[in-house]
C-alpha atoms as a PDB file:
ATOM      1  CA  MET A   1      24.646 -24.415  15.407  1.00  0.00           C
ATOM      2  CA  LYS A   2      26.131 -21.438  17.257  1.00  0.00           C
ATOM      3  CA  ARG A   3      26.264 -18.248  15.244  1.00  0.00           C
ATOM      4  CA  VAL A   4      29.814 -16.956  14.666  1.00  0.00           C
ATOM      5  CA  SER A   5      30.400 -13.643  16.431  1.00  0.00           C
ATOM      6  CA  LEU A   6      32.799 -10.770  15.957  1.00  0.00           C
ATOM      7  CA  ALA A   7      34.633 -12.015  19.080  1.00  0.00           C
ATOM      8  CA  ASP A   8      35.148 -15.441  17.457  1.00  0.00           C
ATOM      9  CA  VAL A   9      36.901 -13.847  14.477  1.00  0.00           C
ATOM     10  CA  ALA A  10      39.035 -11.672  16.789  1.00  0.00           C
ATOM     11  CA  ASN A  11      39.969 -14.590  19.087  1.00  0.00           C
ATOM     12  CA  ASP A  12      41.046 -16.800  16.183  1.00  0.00           C
ATOM     13  CA  LEU A  13      43.328 -14.040  14.929  1.00  0.00           C
ATOM     14  CA  LYS A  14      44.411 -12.955  18.432  1.00  0.00           C
ATOM     15  CA  VAL A  15      43.484  -9.329  17.703  1.00  0.00           C
ATOM     16  CA  SER A  16      40.939  -6.953  19.234  1.00  0.00           C
ATOM     17  CA  LYS A  17      37.247  -6.867  18.325  1.00  0.00           C
ATOM     18  CA  THR A  18      37.695  -3.172  17.531  1.00  0.00           C
ATOM     19  CA  LEU A  19      40.285  -3.959  14.875  1.00  0.00           C
ATOM     20  CA  VAL A  20      38.063  -6.610  13.288  1.00  0.00           C
ATOM     21  CA  SER A  21      35.103  -4.237  13.333  1.00  0.00           C
ATOM     22  CA  LEU A  22      37.085  -1.451  11.655  1.00  0.00           C
ATOM     23  CA  VAL A  23      38.256  -3.767   8.881  1.00  0.00           C
ATOM     24  CA  LEU A  24      34.818  -5.254   8.237  1.00  0.00           C
ATOM     25  CA  ASN A  25      33.321  -1.769   8.120  1.00  0.00           C
ATOM     26  CA  GLN A  26      35.944  -0.725   5.531  1.00  0.00           C
ATOM     27  CA  LYS A  27      37.677   1.703   7.900  1.00  0.00           C
ATOM     28  CA  GLY A  28      41.015  -0.095   8.046  1.00  0.00           C
ATOM     29  CA  ASP A  29      42.911   2.362   5.843  1.00  0.00           C
ATOM     30  CA  GLN A  30      41.832   5.472   7.725  1.00  0.00           C
ATOM     31  CA  HIS A  31      42.890   3.876  11.027  1.00  0.00           C
ATOM     32  CA  GLY A  32      46.292   2.786   9.762  1.00  0.00           C
ATOM     33  CA  ILE A  33      45.669  -0.958   9.705  1.00  0.00           C
ATOM     34  CA  SER A  34      48.031  -2.664   7.275  1.00  0.00           C
ATOM     35  CA  LYS A  35      46.757  -4.232   4.064  1.00  0.00           C
ATOM     36  CA  GLN A  36      48.154  -7.572   5.200  1.00  0.00           C
ATOM     37  CA  THR A  37      46.198  -7.480   8.477  1.00  0.00           C
ATOM     38  CA  GLN A  38      43.047  -6.398   6.664  1.00  0.00           C
ATOM     39  CA  ALA A  39      43.419  -9.317   4.267  1.00  0.00           C
ATOM     40  CA  ARG A  40      43.830 -11.735   7.197  1.00  0.00           C
ATOM     41  CA  VAL A  41      40.678 -10.427   8.886  1.00  0.00           C
ATOM     42  CA  LEU A  42      38.596 -10.678   5.706  1.00  0.00           C
ATOM     43  CA  ALA A  43      39.867 -14.182   4.993  1.00  0.00           C
ATOM     44  CA  LYS A  44      39.120 -15.356   8.544  1.00  0.00           C
ATOM     45  CA  ALA A  45      35.618 -13.869   8.469  1.00  0.00           C
ATOM     46  CA  GLU A  46      34.933 -15.744   5.233  1.00  0.00           C
ATOM     47  CA  GLU A  47      36.450 -18.955   6.579  1.00  0.00           C
ATOM     48  CA  LEU A  48      34.270 -18.854   9.703  1.00  0.00           C
ATOM     49  CA  ASN A  49      31.186 -17.802   7.690  1.00  0.00           C
ATOM     50  CA  TYR A  50      30.799 -14.675   9.804  1.00  0.00           C
ATOM     51  CA  PHE A  51      28.118 -12.134   8.947  1.00  0.00           C
ATOM     52  CA  PRO A  52      27.299  -9.047  11.015  1.00  0.00           C
ATOM     53  CA  ASN A  53      24.295  -8.750  13.311  1.00  0.00           C
ATOM     54  CA  GLN A  54      22.478  -5.991  11.478  1.00  0.00           C
ATOM     55  CA  MET A  55      20.169  -5.182  14.390  1.00  0.00           C
ATOM     56  CA  ALA A  56      23.097  -4.717  16.772  1.00  0.00           C
ATOM     57  CA  ARG A  57      24.941  -2.716  14.138  1.00  0.00           C
ATOM     58  CA  GLY A  58      21.897  -0.507  13.692  1.00  0.00           C
ATOM     59  CA  LEU A  59      21.703   0.151  17.417  1.00  0.00           C
ATOM     60  CA  ARG A  60      25.381   1.151  17.506  1.00  0.00           C
ATOM     61  CA  MET A  61      25.214   3.408  14.463  1.00  0.00           C
ATOM     62  CA  GLY A  62      21.759   4.853  15.107  1.00  0.00           C
ATOM     63  CA  LYS A  63      20.391   3.556  11.805  1.00  0.00           C
ATOM     64  CA  SER A  64      19.618   0.174  10.296  1.00  0.00           C
ATOM     65  CA  GLY A  65      19.559   0.926   6.579  1.00  0.00           C
ATOM     66  CA  THR A  66      16.046  -0.544   6.511  1.00  0.00           C
ATOM     67  CA  ILE A  67      12.616   0.855   5.627  1.00  0.00           C
ATOM     68  CA  GLY A  68       9.340  -0.748   6.727  1.00  0.00           C
ATOM     69  CA  LEU A  69       6.306  -0.895   4.406  1.00  0.00           C
ATOM     70  CA  ILE A  70       2.837  -1.916   5.630  1.00  0.00           C
ATOM     71  CA  VAL A  71      -0.030  -2.377   3.147  1.00  0.00           C
ATOM     72  CA  ALA A  72      -3.431  -4.010   3.463  1.00  0.00           C
ATOM     73  CA  ASP A  73      -2.737  -6.970   1.166  1.00  0.00           C
ATOM     74  CA  ILE A  74       0.449  -7.496  -0.839  1.00  0.00           C
ATOM     75  CA  ALA A  75      -1.438  -9.992  -3.055  1.00  0.00           C
ATOM     76  CA  ASN A  76      -3.645  -7.165  -4.344  1.00  0.00           C
ATOM     77  CA  PRO A  77      -2.172  -5.975  -7.706  1.00  0.00           C
ATOM     78  CA  PHE A  78      -2.579  -2.341  -6.595  1.00  0.00           C
ATOM     79  CA  TYR A  79      -0.348  -2.795  -3.549  1.00  0.00           C
ATOM     80  CA  ALA A  80       1.970  -5.255  -5.298  1.00  0.00           C
ATOM     81  CA  THR A  81       2.838  -2.686  -7.969  1.00  0.00           C
ATOM     82  CA  ILE A  82       3.393   0.036  -5.374  1.00  0.00           C
ATOM     83  CA  ALA A  83       5.543  -2.250  -3.197  1.00  0.00           C
ATOM     84  CA  ARG A  84       7.672  -3.320  -6.161  1.00  0.00           C
ATOM     85  CA  LYS A  85       8.373   0.309  -7.107  1.00  0.00           C
ATOM     86  CA  ILE A  86       9.022   1.328  -3.483  1.00  0.00           C
ATOM     87  CA  GLU A  87      11.545  -1.503  -3.258  1.00  0.00           C
ATOM     88  CA  ASP A  88      13.280  -0.219  -6.390  1.00  0.00           C
ATOM     89  CA  GLU A  89      13.380   3.352  -5.071  1.00  0.00           C
ATOM     90  CA  THR A  90      14.554   2.442  -1.561  1.00  0.00           C
ATOM     91  CA  ASN A  91      17.285   0.194  -2.975  1.00  0.00           C
ATOM     92  CA  LYS A  92      18.516   3.069  -5.140  1.00  0.00           C
ATOM     93  CA  ALA A  93      18.760   5.138  -1.955  1.00  0.00           C
ATOM     94  CA  GLY A  94      20.781   2.422  -0.186  1.00  0.00           C
ATOM     95  CA  TYR A  95      17.989   0.945   1.957  1.00  0.00           C
ATOM     96  CA  ASN A  96      16.581  -2.547   2.331  1.00  0.00           C
ATOM     97  CA  LEU A  97      12.792  -2.934   2.502  1.00  0.00           C
ATOM     98  CA  ILE A  98      10.635  -5.051   4.814  1.00  0.00           C
ATOM     99  CA  ILE A  99       7.154  -5.550   3.295  1.00  0.00           C
ATOM    100  CA  CYS A 100       4.179  -6.490   5.497  1.00  0.00           C
ATOM    101  CA  SER A 101       0.432  -7.068   5.003  1.00  0.00           C
ATOM    102  CA  SER A 102      -2.039  -6.016   7.708  1.00  0.00           C
ATOM    103  CA  ASP A 103      -5.032  -7.894   6.189  1.00  0.00           C
ATOM    104  CA  GLU A 104      -7.137  -4.874   7.255  1.00  0.00           C
ATOM    105  CA  LYS A 105      -6.853  -6.025  10.887  1.00  0.00           C
ATOM    106  CA  ASP A 106      -5.996  -3.468  13.581  1.00  0.00           C
ATOM    107  CA  GLU A 107      -4.369  -6.006  15.880  1.00  0.00           C
ATOM    108  CA  LYS A 108      -2.110  -7.352  13.117  1.00  0.00           C
ATOM    109  CA  GLU A 109      -1.037  -3.856  12.066  1.00  0.00           C
ATOM    110  CA  LEU A 110      -0.183  -3.019  15.674  1.00  0.00           C
ATOM    111  CA  ARG A 111       1.972  -6.168  15.902  1.00  0.00           C
ATOM    112  CA  LEU A 112       3.713  -5.251  12.649  1.00  0.00           C
ATOM    113  CA  LEU A 113       4.404  -1.714  13.855  1.00  0.00           C
ATOM    114  CA  LYS A 114       5.965  -3.110  17.046  1.00  0.00           C
ATOM    115  CA  MET A 115       8.077  -5.574  15.061  1.00  0.00           C
ATOM    116  CA  LEU A 116       9.363  -2.831  12.750  1.00  0.00           C
ATOM    117  CA  ARG A 117      10.075  -0.565  15.726  1.00  0.00           C
ATOM    118  CA  ASP A 118      12.027  -3.372  17.428  1.00  0.00           C
ATOM    119  CA  ARG A 119      14.055  -3.820  14.248  1.00  0.00           C
ATOM    120  CA  GLN A 120      15.041  -0.159  14.427  1.00  0.00           C
ATOM    121  CA  VAL A 121      13.833   0.667  10.898  1.00  0.00           C
ATOM    122  CA  ASP A 122      14.939   4.098   9.705  1.00  0.00           C
ATOM    123  CA  GLY A 123      11.451   5.015   8.496  1.00  0.00           C
ATOM    124  CA  LEU A 124       7.966   3.728   7.721  1.00  0.00           C
ATOM    125  CA  ILE A 125       5.638   3.888   4.723  1.00  0.00           C
ATOM    126  CA  VAL A 126       2.155   2.827   5.779  1.00  0.00           C
ATOM    127  CA  SER A 127      -1.238   2.289   4.181  1.00  0.00           C
ATOM    128  CA  SER A 128      -2.984   2.029   7.517  1.00  0.00           C
ATOM    129  CA  THR A 129      -6.180   0.296   8.513  1.00  0.00           C
ATOM    130  CA  LEU A 130      -6.163   1.863  11.988  1.00  0.00           C
ATOM    131  CA  GLN A 131      -9.192   3.913  13.020  1.00  0.00           C
ATOM    132  CA  ARG A 132      -7.258   5.643  15.816  1.00  0.00           C
ATOM    133  CA  PRO A 133      -3.762   6.992  15.131  1.00  0.00           C
ATOM    134  CA  ASN A 134      -2.364   6.394  18.649  1.00  0.00           C
ATOM    135  CA  ALA A 135       0.267   3.788  17.710  1.00  0.00           C
ATOM    136  CA  LEU A 136       1.568   5.764  14.744  1.00  0.00           C
ATOM    137  CA  ALA A 137       1.516   8.993  16.759  1.00  0.00           C
ATOM    138  CA  ASP A 138       3.591   7.291  19.476  1.00  0.00           C
ATOM    139  CA  LEU A 139       6.154   6.185  16.882  1.00  0.00           C
ATOM    140  CA  LYS A 140       6.322   9.721  15.513  1.00  0.00           C
ATOM    141  CA  ARG A 141       6.990  11.064  19.008  1.00  0.00           C
ATOM    142  CA  LEU A 142       9.815   8.520  19.363  1.00  0.00           C
ATOM    143  CA  GLY A 143      11.408  10.024  16.262  1.00  0.00           C
ATOM    144  CA  TYR A 144      10.384   7.513  13.603  1.00  0.00           C
ATOM    145  CA  PRO A 145       9.846   9.207  10.216  1.00  0.00           C
ATOM    146  CA  ILE A 146       6.449   8.101   8.824  1.00  0.00           C
ATOM    147  CA  VAL A 147       4.802   8.659   5.440  1.00  0.00           C
ATOM    148  CA  LEU A 148       1.238   7.524   4.763  1.00  0.00           C
ATOM    149  CA  ILE A 149       0.183   6.276   1.339  1.00  0.00           C
ATOM    150  CA  ASP A 150      -3.238   5.680  -0.188  1.00  0.00           C
ATOM    151  CA  ARG A 151      -5.130   6.429   3.040  1.00  0.00           C
ATOM    152  CA  ALA A 152      -5.347   9.530   5.183  1.00  0.00           C
ATOM    153  CA  ILE A 153      -5.658   9.390   8.981  1.00  0.00           C
ATOM    154  CA  PRO A 154      -7.281  12.443  10.594  1.00  0.00           C
ATOM    155  CA  ARG A 155      -5.354  14.060  13.448  1.00  0.00           C
ATOM    156  CA  LEU A 156      -2.073  12.337  12.538  1.00  0.00           C
ATOM    157  CA  ASP A 157       0.479  15.012  11.737  1.00  0.00           C
ATOM    158  CA  VAL A 158       2.610  13.192   9.143  1.00  0.00           C
ATOM    159  CA  PRO A 159       2.976  13.641   5.359  1.00  0.00           C
ATOM    160  CA  ALA A 160       0.860  11.515   3.037  1.00  0.00           C
ATOM    161  CA  VAL A 161       0.729  10.622  -0.652  1.00  0.00           C
ATOM    162  CA  LEU A 162      -2.921  10.225  -1.566  1.00  0.00           C
ATOM    163  CA  VAL A 163      -5.170   9.894  -4.593  1.00  0.00           C
ATOM    164  CA  ASP A 164      -8.272  11.980  -5.335  1.00  0.00           C
ATOM    165  CA  ASN A 165     -10.646   9.089  -4.662  1.00  0.00           C
ATOM    166  CA  TYR A 166     -13.685  11.352  -4.427  1.00  0.00           C
ATOM    167  CA  GLN A 167     -13.268  12.847  -7.901  1.00  0.00           C
ATOM    168  CA  GLY A 168     -12.386   9.505  -9.458  1.00  0.00           C
ATOM    169  CA  ALA A 169     -15.551   7.887  -8.079  1.00  0.00           C
ATOM    170  CA  PHE A 170     -17.638  10.924  -9.060  1.00  0.00           C
ATOM    171  CA  ASN A 171     -16.314  10.706 -12.639  1.00  0.00           C
ATOM    172  CA  LEU A 172     -17.002   6.966 -12.921  1.00  0.00           C
ATOM    173  CA  THR A 173     -20.556   7.362 -11.630  1.00  0.00           C
ATOM    174  CA  LYS A 174     -21.236  10.388 -13.850  1.00  0.00           C
ATOM    175  CA  HIS A 175     -20.018   8.388 -16.836  1.00  0.00           C
ATOM    176  CA  LEU A 176     -22.661   5.739 -16.097  1.00  0.00           C
ATOM    177  CA  ILE A 177     -25.330   8.418 -15.605  1.00  0.00           C
ATOM    178  CA  ASP A 178     -24.394  10.072 -18.912  1.00  0.00           C
ATOM    179  CA  LEU A 179     -24.971   6.703 -20.604  1.00  0.00           C
ATOM    180  CA  GLY A 180     -28.550   6.759 -19.317  1.00  0.00           C
ATOM    181  CA  HIS A 181     -28.283   4.640 -16.179  1.00  0.00           C
ATOM    182  CA  LYS A 182     -30.444   5.657 -13.234  1.00  0.00           C
ATOM    183  CA  ARG A 183     -30.103   2.580 -11.017  1.00  0.00           C
ATOM    184  CA  ILE A 184     -26.405   2.250 -10.277  1.00  0.00           C
ATOM    185  CA  GLY A 185     -25.084  -0.192  -7.700  1.00  0.00           C
ATOM    186  CA  HIS A 186     -21.924   0.323  -5.659  1.00  0.00           C
ATOM    187  CA  LEU A 187     -19.940  -2.518  -4.085  1.00  0.00           C
ATOM    188  CA  SER A 188     -17.715  -1.197  -1.302  1.00  0.00           C
ATOM    189  CA  LEU A 189     -15.491  -2.767   1.322  1.00  0.00           C
ATOM    190  CA  SER A 190     -15.299  -2.735   5.095  1.00  0.00           C
ATOM    191  CA  PRO A 191     -13.917  -1.419   7.389  1.00  0.00           C
ATOM    192  CA  VAL A 192     -15.898   1.609   6.231  1.00  0.00           C
ATOM    193  CA  HIS A 193     -13.803   4.166   8.181  1.00  0.00           C
ATOM    194  CA  ILE A 194     -10.925   3.844   5.690  1.00  0.00           C
ATOM    195  CA  SER A 195     -10.610   7.174   3.902  1.00  0.00           C
ATOM    196  CA  THR A 196     -10.327   5.779   0.370  1.00  0.00           C
ATOM    197  CA  LEU A 197     -13.556   3.804   0.652  1.00  0.00           C
ATOM    198  CA  ARG A 198     -15.352   6.643   2.392  1.00  0.00           C
ATOM    199  CA  ASP A 199     -14.330   9.120  -0.319  1.00  0.00           C
ATOM    200  CA  ARG A 200     -15.314   6.768  -3.142  1.00  0.00           C
ATOM    201  CA  LEU A 201     -18.732   6.217  -1.597  1.00  0.00           C
ATOM    202  CA  LYS A 202     -19.217   9.973  -1.222  1.00  0.00           C
ATOM    203  CA  GLY A 203     -18.175  10.599  -4.827  1.00  0.00           C
ATOM    204  CA  TYR A 204     -20.701   7.990  -5.988  1.00  0.00           C
ATOM    205  CA  LYS A 205     -23.514   9.468  -3.906  1.00  0.00           C
ATOM    206  CA  ASP A 206     -22.729  13.063  -4.889  1.00  0.00           C
ATOM    207  CA  ALA A 207     -22.721  12.198  -8.601  1.00  0.00           C
ATOM    208  CA  LEU A 208     -26.189  10.655  -8.222  1.00  0.00           C
ATOM    209  CA  LYS A 209     -27.384  13.682  -6.262  1.00  0.00           C
ATOM    210  CA  ALA A 210     -26.015  16.109  -8.855  1.00  0.00           C
ATOM    211  CA  ALA A 211     -28.042  14.262 -11.500  1.00  0.00           C
ATOM    212  CA  GLY A 212     -31.208  14.388  -9.402  1.00  0.00           C
ATOM    213  CA  ILE A 213     -31.126  10.653  -8.653  1.00  0.00           C
ATOM    214  CA  LYS A 214     -31.923   9.596  -5.104  1.00  0.00           C
ATOM    215  CA  HIS A 215     -29.791   6.614  -4.196  1.00  0.00           C
ATOM    216  CA  GLN A 216     -31.431   3.579  -2.581  1.00  0.00           C
ATOM    217  CA  SER A 217     -29.840   1.700   0.307  1.00  0.00           C
ATOM    218  CA  SER A 218     -30.346  -1.527  -1.669  1.00  0.00           C
ATOM    219  CA  TRP A 219     -27.920  -0.201  -4.292  1.00  0.00           C
ATOM    220  CA  ILE A 220     -24.981  -0.228  -1.870  1.00  0.00           C
ATOM    221  CA  LEU A 221     -23.263  -3.338  -0.531  1.00  0.00           C
ATOM    222  CA  ASN A 222     -20.463  -3.168   2.061  1.00  0.00           C
ATOM    223  CA  ILE A 223     -18.346  -6.308   1.812  1.00  0.00           C
ATOM    224  CA  PRO A 224     -16.086  -7.623   4.618  1.00  0.00           C
ATOM    225  CA  PHE A 225     -12.410  -7.709   3.619  1.00  0.00           C
ATOM    226  CA  ASP A 226     -11.963 -11.332   4.689  1.00  0.00           C
ATOM    227  CA  ASP A 227     -14.997 -12.680   2.762  1.00  0.00           C
ATOM    228  CA  VAL A 228     -15.206 -10.811  -0.528  1.00  0.00           C
ATOM    229  CA  ARG A 229     -15.964 -13.800  -2.737  1.00  0.00           C
ATOM    230  CA  GLY A 230     -18.544 -15.394  -0.427  1.00  0.00           C
ATOM    231  CA  THR A 231     -20.414 -12.145   0.231  1.00  0.00           C
ATOM    232  CA  VAL A 232     -20.535 -11.160  -3.440  1.00  0.00           C
ATOM    233  CA  GLU A 233     -21.808 -14.614  -4.425  1.00  0.00           C
ATOM    234  CA  LYS A 234     -24.521 -14.428  -1.769  1.00  0.00           C
ATOM    235  CA  GLU A 235     -25.654 -10.800  -2.043  1.00  0.00           C
ATOM    236  CA  LEU A 236     -25.020  -9.575  -5.591  1.00  0.00           C
ATOM    237  CA  PRO A 237     -27.740 -11.600  -7.414  1.00  0.00           C
ATOM    238  CA  ALA A 238     -30.473  -9.832  -5.421  1.00  0.00           C
ATOM    239  CA  MET A 239     -28.977  -6.424  -6.265  1.00  0.00           C
ATOM    240  CA  ILE A 240     -28.865  -6.984 -10.026  1.00  0.00           C
ATOM    241  CA  GLY A 241     -31.837  -9.296 -10.500  1.00  0.00           C
ATOM    242  CA  GLY A 242     -35.468  -8.411 -11.249  1.00  0.00           C
ATOM    243  CA  LYS A 243     -37.136  -5.364 -12.766  1.00  0.00           C
ATOM    244  CA  LYS A 244     -35.908  -3.063  -9.990  1.00  0.00           C
ATOM    245  CA  GLY A 245     -32.360  -4.359 -10.005  1.00  0.00           C
ATOM    246  CA  VAL A 246     -29.457  -2.056 -10.836  1.00  0.00           C
ATOM    247  CA  THR A 247     -28.566  -1.653 -14.509  1.00  0.00           C
ATOM    248  CA  ALA A 248     -24.965  -0.645 -13.859  1.00  0.00           C
ATOM    249  CA  LEU A 249     -22.380  -1.634 -11.263  1.00  0.00           C
ATOM    250  CA  PHE A 250     -19.433   0.305  -9.849  1.00  0.00           C
ATOM    251  CA  THR A 251     -17.009  -1.695  -7.677  1.00  0.00           C
ATOM    252  CA  ALA A 252     -14.724   0.053  -5.192  1.00  0.00           C
ATOM    253  CA  ASN A 253     -11.609  -1.989  -6.001  1.00  0.00           C
ATOM    254  CA  ASN A 254     -10.235  -4.658  -8.311  1.00  0.00           C
ATOM    255  CA  ASN A 255     -10.656  -7.595  -5.888  1.00  0.00           C
ATOM    256  CA  ILE A 256     -14.382  -6.961  -5.612  1.00  0.00           C
ATOM    257  CA  ALA A 257     -14.584  -6.475  -9.376  1.00  0.00           C
ATOM    258  CA  VAL A 258     -13.147  -9.911 -10.153  1.00  0.00           C
ATOM    259  CA  SER A 259     -15.624 -11.658  -7.828  1.00  0.00           C
ATOM    260  CA  ALA A 260     -18.543  -9.610  -9.167  1.00  0.00           C
ATOM    261  CA  LEU A 261     -17.660 -10.361 -12.781  1.00  0.00           C
ATOM    262  CA  GLU A 262     -17.640 -14.082 -12.022  1.00  0.00           C
ATOM    263  CA  VAL A 263     -21.102 -13.895 -10.418  1.00  0.00           C
ATOM    264  CA  ILE A 264     -22.483 -11.904 -13.358  1.00  0.00           C
ATOM    265  CA  ARG A 265     -21.125 -14.481 -15.806  1.00  0.00           C
ATOM    266  CA  ASN A 266     -22.573 -17.363 -13.772  1.00  0.00           C
ATOM    267  CA  MET A 267     -25.966 -15.632 -13.845  1.00  0.00           C
ATOM    268  CA  GLY A 268     -25.820 -15.708 -17.646  1.00  0.00           C
ATOM    269  CA  LEU A 269     -25.820 -11.917 -17.980  1.00  0.00           C
ATOM    270  CA  ASN A 270     -23.950 -10.119 -20.729  1.00  0.00           C
ATOM    271  CA  ILE A 271     -21.778  -7.041 -20.167  1.00  0.00           C
ATOM    272  CA  PRO A 272     -22.519  -4.398 -21.385  1.00  0.00           C
ATOM    273  CA  HIS A 273     -25.827  -5.410 -23.029  1.00  0.00           C
ATOM    274  CA  ASP A 274     -27.571  -6.600 -19.848  1.00  0.00           C
ATOM    275  CA  MET A 275     -25.688  -4.294 -17.500  1.00  0.00           C
ATOM    276  CA  ALA A 276     -22.764  -1.896 -17.508  1.00  0.00           C
ATOM    277  CA  PHE A 277     -19.749  -2.526 -15.315  1.00  0.00           C
ATOM    278  CA  CYS A 278     -16.828  -0.424 -14.091  1.00  0.00           C
ATOM    279  CA  SER A 279     -14.331  -0.439 -11.255  1.00  0.00           C
ATOM    280  CA  PHE A 280     -12.070   1.820  -9.276  1.00  0.00           C
ATOM    281  CA  ASP A 281      -8.391   0.930  -9.729  1.00  0.00           C
ATOM    282  CA  ASP A 282      -7.290  -0.320 -13.141  1.00  0.00           C
ATOM    283  CA  ILE A 283      -5.324  -3.577 -13.423  1.00  0.00           C
ATOM    284  CA  ASP A 284      -3.836  -5.350 -16.457  1.00  0.00           C
ATOM    285  CA  LEU A 285      -6.522  -8.032 -16.330  1.00  0.00           C
ATOM    286  CA  PHE A 286      -9.227  -5.463 -17.121  1.00  0.00           C
ATOM    287  CA  ARG A 287      -7.675  -4.698 -20.535  1.00  0.00           C
ATOM    288  CA  LEU A 288      -7.592  -8.388 -21.433  1.00  0.00           C
ATOM    289  CA  MET A 289     -11.139  -9.323 -20.446  1.00  0.00           C
ATOM    290  CA  ASP A 290     -14.025  -9.748 -22.869  1.00  0.00           C
ATOM    291  CA  PRO A 291     -15.280  -7.100 -22.850  1.00  0.00           C
ATOM    292  CA  PRO A 292     -12.425  -4.940 -21.501  1.00  0.00           C
ATOM    293  CA  ILE A 293     -13.467  -3.194 -18.275  1.00  0.00           C
ATOM    294  CA  THR A 294     -13.862   0.564 -17.788  1.00  0.00           C
ATOM    295  CA  ALA A 295     -11.830   1.637 -14.771  1.00  0.00           C
ATOM    296  CA  CYS A 296     -10.483   4.564 -12.788  1.00  0.00           C
ATOM    297  CA  ALA A 297      -6.692   4.225 -12.896  1.00  0.00           C
ATOM    298  CA  GLN A 298      -4.523   5.291  -9.985  1.00  0.00           C
ATOM    299  CA  PRO A 299      -0.930   6.513 -10.503  1.00  0.00           C
ATOM    300  CA  ARG A 300       0.611   3.600  -8.605  1.00  0.00           C
ATOM    301  CA  GLU A 301       4.238   4.151  -9.579  1.00  0.00           C
ATOM    302  CA  GLU A 302       3.960   7.861  -8.816  1.00  0.00           C
ATOM    303  CA  ILE A 303       2.575   7.029  -5.357  1.00  0.00           C
ATOM    304  CA  ALA A 304       5.653   4.869  -4.734  1.00  0.00           C
ATOM    305  CA  ILE A 305       8.186   7.363  -6.067  1.00  0.00           C
ATOM    306  CA  GLU A 306       6.735  10.334  -4.184  1.00  0.00           C
ATOM    307  CA  SER A 307       6.392   8.421  -0.907  1.00  0.00           C
ATOM    308  CA  VAL A 308      10.053   7.352  -0.945  1.00  0.00           C
ATOM    309  CA  LYS A 309      11.118  10.880  -1.868  1.00  0.00           C
ATOM    310  CA  LEU A 310       9.132  12.267   1.060  1.00  0.00           C
ATOM    311  CA  LEU A 311      10.490   9.653   3.460  1.00  0.00           C
ATOM    312  CA  LYS A 312      14.122  10.247   2.461  1.00  0.00           C
ATOM    313  CA  ASP A 313      13.642  13.967   3.064  1.00  0.00           C
ATOM    314  CA  LEU A 314      11.932  13.261   6.385  1.00  0.00           C
ATOM    315  CA  ILE A 315      14.698  10.902   7.560  1.00  0.00           C
ATOM    316  CA  LYS A 316      17.282  13.582   6.785  1.00  0.00           C
ATOM    317  CA  LYS A 317      15.354  16.315   8.590  1.00  0.00           C
ATOM    318  CA  VAL A 318      14.637  14.188  11.651  1.00  0.00           C
ATOM    319  CA  GLY A 319      18.299  13.180  11.789  1.00  0.00           C
ATOM    320  CA  ASN A 320      19.323  16.845  11.708  1.00  0.00           C
ATOM    321  CA  GLY A 321      16.723  17.869  14.261  1.00  0.00           C
ATOM    322  CA  GLU A 322      14.873  19.998  11.696  1.00  0.00           C
ATOM    323  CA  ALA A 323      11.134  20.620  11.585  1.00  0.00           C
ATOM    324  CA  ALA A 324       9.323  18.650   8.876  1.00  0.00           C
ATOM    325  CA  SER A 325       6.085  19.587   7.132  1.00  0.00           C
ATOM    326  CA  ALA A 326       3.121  17.223   7.178  1.00  0.00           C
ATOM    327  CA  ASP A 327       1.494  18.278   3.919  1.00  0.00           C
ATOM    328  CA  ASN A 328      -0.555  15.869   1.810  1.00  0.00           C
ATOM    329  CA  LEU A 329       0.285  15.274  -1.843  1.00  0.00           C
ATOM    330  CA  VAL A 330      -2.956  14.449  -3.696  1.00  0.00           C
ATOM    331  CA  LEU A 331      -2.565  12.808  -7.118  1.00  0.00           C
ATOM    332  CA  SER A 332      -5.185  12.704  -9.864  1.00  0.00           C
ATOM    333  CA  THR A 333      -6.791   9.580 -11.303  1.00  0.00           C
ATOM    334  CA  THR A 334      -7.434   8.740 -14.979  1.00  0.00           C
ATOM    335  CA  LEU A 335     -10.767   7.502 -16.334  1.00  0.00           C
ATOM    336  CA  ARG A 336     -10.128   4.719 -18.840  1.00  0.00           C
ATOM    337  CA  LEU A 337     -13.235   4.071 -20.906  1.00  0.00           C
ATOM    338  CA  ARG A 338     -13.642   0.584 -22.353  1.00  0.00           C
ATOM    339  CA  PRO A 339     -16.470  -1.515 -23.881  1.00  0.00           C
ATOM    340  CA  SER A 340     -17.907  -2.731 -20.532  1.00  0.00           C
ATOM    341  CA  THR A 341     -19.846   0.552 -20.253  1.00  0.00           C
ATOM    342  CA  LEU A 342     -20.678   1.254 -23.894  1.00  0.00           C
ATOM    343  CA  ASN A 343     -24.401   0.457 -23.872  1.00  0.00           C
ATOM    344  CA  GLY A 344     -26.605   2.395 -21.469  1.00  0.00           C
ATOM    345  CA  ASN A 345     -29.924   1.033 -20.180  1.00  0.00           C
ATOM    346  CA  GLN A 346     -32.756   3.217 -19.008  1.00  0.00           C
END
């Protein structure tokens, strides 16, 4: 069925497209169009089921009233909470939000960036998986306001809202060490170039080093993003089994944690008596588990609020031709101690 156009409405009424456009954009009064004519235009538009082409309107007006958000995986509770709050904040500011998942794949993120560019979004909030910032740098040069969240990208001169992943991981690992653990495993995620994962791994290693514990390569497992469950099922038993197995486990995010907890249960091990367990990124499920899981909580709503605030300011400055700063805002984490790490093993 052919989409009804502005010209169709104008032709039916035998008036100009300009007049119809002014009425539909609520500018009839200021251009002296009578109330009767305005009522006729609105009634005809409703009768014909006309709705404006927002992309064309955005091109004419120089803005689309739309923000683009790219995260790794919208199904992950961490990103879902952030996306929900960003949607609330952008709606308050008069914007619609397009939410996309990159699945930690460079090629998919590049396609999403092109799609959002073609839709003339007014700005972008991105948790990027890209190792090289070329595509985002090109968008910045074209005048697209960009704010990074969660992950930093070296050499990309845009503002970012980040979390102190290093200190959070250091604190979690030190907590396990203080309980008496000396063999502490770390389950991380690939791609390993992502700043959050890199910083968490460094925090883990530095906490061991500060305690005089030399980490073993067998204590660290890098898990591919697209096969978390299968890899954990295959590799984790060797890490935690036997006399030289780890006595405590620190997972880099909540998705890994859920798979690891299932494997530990299937092995017949008891947390915390057989081994201690903790995770970066607290989710509601951790409070409800038996035992509840110790976790490093990130300020998810604050990430969302601050990123929208930064983007709104950036959109305004870019629109006015003003220079914009590219400073990073680094937020603190909170260590939430629960029974999963109560009993230390030597």
